[in-house]
Amino acid sequence: MNKNCTQKQIKKLCQTYSKETGTEFTNYYDTKFLEWLEKSNPTQEENKPIFYTFIESNKFAQAIMDAYMASMNQVSQKLDNQVSKKAYTKQEVIDIVFQAFDSAKTIGEGQIRNLK
């Protein structure tokens, strides 16, 4: 989809929200808008509760950076423990990178949950 078409669809979505709810669209992070959007186009099963988490951009960025740094420190320690190795196979590098991203994801999710 090109940019103009996408912008038209977003504008139409906002107009539909205002028309159906009688409420003026303010922003994409408005909880009422998100609830309406979820009801209009459900992405989760009916029996599961829906939770929204809103955090400030700077706190989100900080959580990502903290997770990244903690993960890189873990990778660095792992590599330091293997100091005798002078070369790594392609699979070992892939495994180390995967572990780093998995670790960063876990750390970041924990930090974001703690920001609530």
Protein backbone atom coordinates (compact mmCIF):
# COMPACT_ATOMS: atom_id res chain seq x y z
CA MET A 1 0.00 0.00 0.00
CA ASN A 2 1.37 3.42 -0.82
CA LYS A 3 1.70 6.22 1.72
CA ASN A 4 -1.27 8.28 0.47
CA CYS A 5 -3.58 5.28 0.56
CA THR A 6 -2.46 4.43 4.10
CA GLN A 7 -3.02 8.00 5.25
CA LYS A 8 -6.53 7.98 3.74
CA GLN A 9 -7.34 4.71 5.52
CA ILE A 10 -6.11 6.09 8.87
CA LYS A 11 -8.13 9.29 8.40
CA LYS A 12 -11.22 7.22 7.55
CA LEU A 13 -10.66 5.06 10.65
CA CYS A 14 -10.50 8.16 12.87
CA GLN A 15 -13.66 9.57 11.27
CA THR A 16 -15.45 6.25 11.77
CA TYR A 17 -14.44 6.26 15.44
CA SER A 18 -15.86 9.77 15.91
CA LYS A 19 -19.04 8.90 14.03
CA GLU A 20 -19.71 5.64 15.90
CA THR A 21 -18.83 6.88 19.38
CA GLY A 22 -19.86 10.52 19.19
CA THR A 23 -16.46 11.32 20.65
CA GLU A 24 -13.86 13.45 18.94
CA PHE A 25 -10.69 11.56 18.03
CA THR A 26 -7.79 12.97 20.06
CA ASN A 27 -4.84 10.61 19.61
CA TYR A 28 -3.88 7.02 18.90
CA TYR A 29 -3.06 6.33 22.57
CA ASP A 30 -6.48 7.29 23.91
CA THR A 31 -7.77 4.27 25.86
CA LYS A 32 -11.31 4.79 24.56
CA PHE A 33 -10.03 4.74 20.98
CA LEU A 34 -7.99 1.58 21.63
CA GLU A 35 -10.96 -0.15 23.27
CA TRP A 36 -13.18 0.80 20.32
CA LEU A 37 -10.54 -0.42 17.89
CA GLU A 38 -10.24 -3.76 19.72
CA LYS A 39 -14.04 -4.23 19.70
CA SER A 40 -14.26 -3.27 16.02
CA ASN A 41 -11.46 -5.58 14.97
CA PRO A 42 -10.72 -8.10 17.73
CA THR A 43 -7.22 -9.53 17.83
CA GLN A 44 -7.62 -11.67 20.95
CA GLU A 45 -9.93 -14.45 21.96
CA GLU A 46 -13.14 -13.30 23.65
CA ASN A 47 -12.45 -15.08 26.95
CA LYS A 48 -9.06 -13.45 27.58
CA PRO A 49 -8.93 -10.13 29.43
CA ILE A 50 -7.49 -7.22 27.49
CA PHE A 51 -4.73 -5.20 29.11
CA TYR A 52 -3.13 -2.04 27.78
CA THR A 53 0.17 -0.74 29.06
CA PHE A 54 1.04 2.89 28.53
CA ILE A 55 4.44 4.21 29.48
CA GLU A 56 6.26 7.42 28.71
CA SER A 57 8.56 7.30 25.69
CA ASN A 58 11.65 8.18 27.69
CA LYS A 59 10.96 5.38 30.21
CA PHE A 60 10.41 2.93 27.35
CA ALA A 61 13.65 3.99 25.68
CA GLN A 62 15.50 3.67 28.99
CA ALA A 63 14.10 0.15 29.55
CA ILE A 64 15.26 -0.88 26.08
CA MET A 65 18.74 0.55 26.61
CA ASP A 66 19.05 -1.06 30.06
CA ALA A 67 17.99 -4.42 28.62
CA TYR A 68 20.44 -4.05 25.76
CA MET A 69 23.33 -3.18 28.07
CA ALA A 70 22.55 -6.01 30.50
CA SER A 71 22.34 -8.46 27.61
CA MET A 72 25.61 -7.29 26.10
CA ASN A 73 27.29 -7.65 29.49
CA GLN A 74 26.05 -11.24 29.70
CA VAL A 75 27.38 -11.98 26.21
CA SER A 76 30.70 -10.36 27.09
CA GLN A 77 31.02 -12.48 30.24
CA LYS A 78 30.20 -15.60 28.26
CA LEU A 79 32.89 -14.78 25.71
CA ASP A 80 35.38 -13.97 28.48
CA ASN A 81 34.77 -17.43 29.94
CA GLN A 82 35.77 -18.88 26.58
CA VAL A 83 39.01 -16.88 26.31
CA SER A 84 40.96 -19.90 25.10
CA LYS A 85 38.84 -20.00 21.92
CA LYS A 86 40.33 -18.04 19.06
CA ALA A 87 37.54 -18.76 16.59
CA TYR A 88 33.82 -19.50 16.63
CA THR A 89 31.72 -21.51 14.24
CA LYS A 90 28.84 -19.86 12.42
CA GLN A 91 26.37 -21.78 14.61
CA GLU A 92 28.12 -20.67 17.83
CA VAL A 93 27.86 -17.03 16.75
CA ILE A 94 24.18 -17.48 15.87
CA ASP A 95 23.54 -19.11 19.25
CA ILE A 96 25.31 -16.29 21.13
CA VAL A 97 23.38 -13.61 19.23
CA PHE A 98 20.10 -15.46 19.79
CA GLN A 99 20.82 -15.74 23.53
CA ALA A 100 21.63 -12.03 23.66
CA PHE A 101 18.37 -11.02 21.99
CA ASP A 102 16.36 -13.46 24.10
CA SER A 103 17.99 -12.11 27.24
CA ALA A 104 17.36 -8.50 26.19
CA LYS A 105 13.71 -9.31 25.47
CA THR A 106 13.24 -10.92 28.88
CA ILE A 107 15.02 -8.11 30.73
CA GLY A 108 13.15 -5.40 28.79
CA GLU A 109 9.74 -6.99 29.37
CA GLY A 110 10.47 -7.23 33.10
CA GLN A 111 11.52 -3.61 33.30
CA ILE A 112 8.48 -2.41 31.39
CA ARG A 113 6.15 -4.41 33.65
CA ASN A 114 7.82 -2.81 36.66
CA LEU A 115 7.19 0.69 35.27
CA LYS A 116 3.39 0.37 35.57
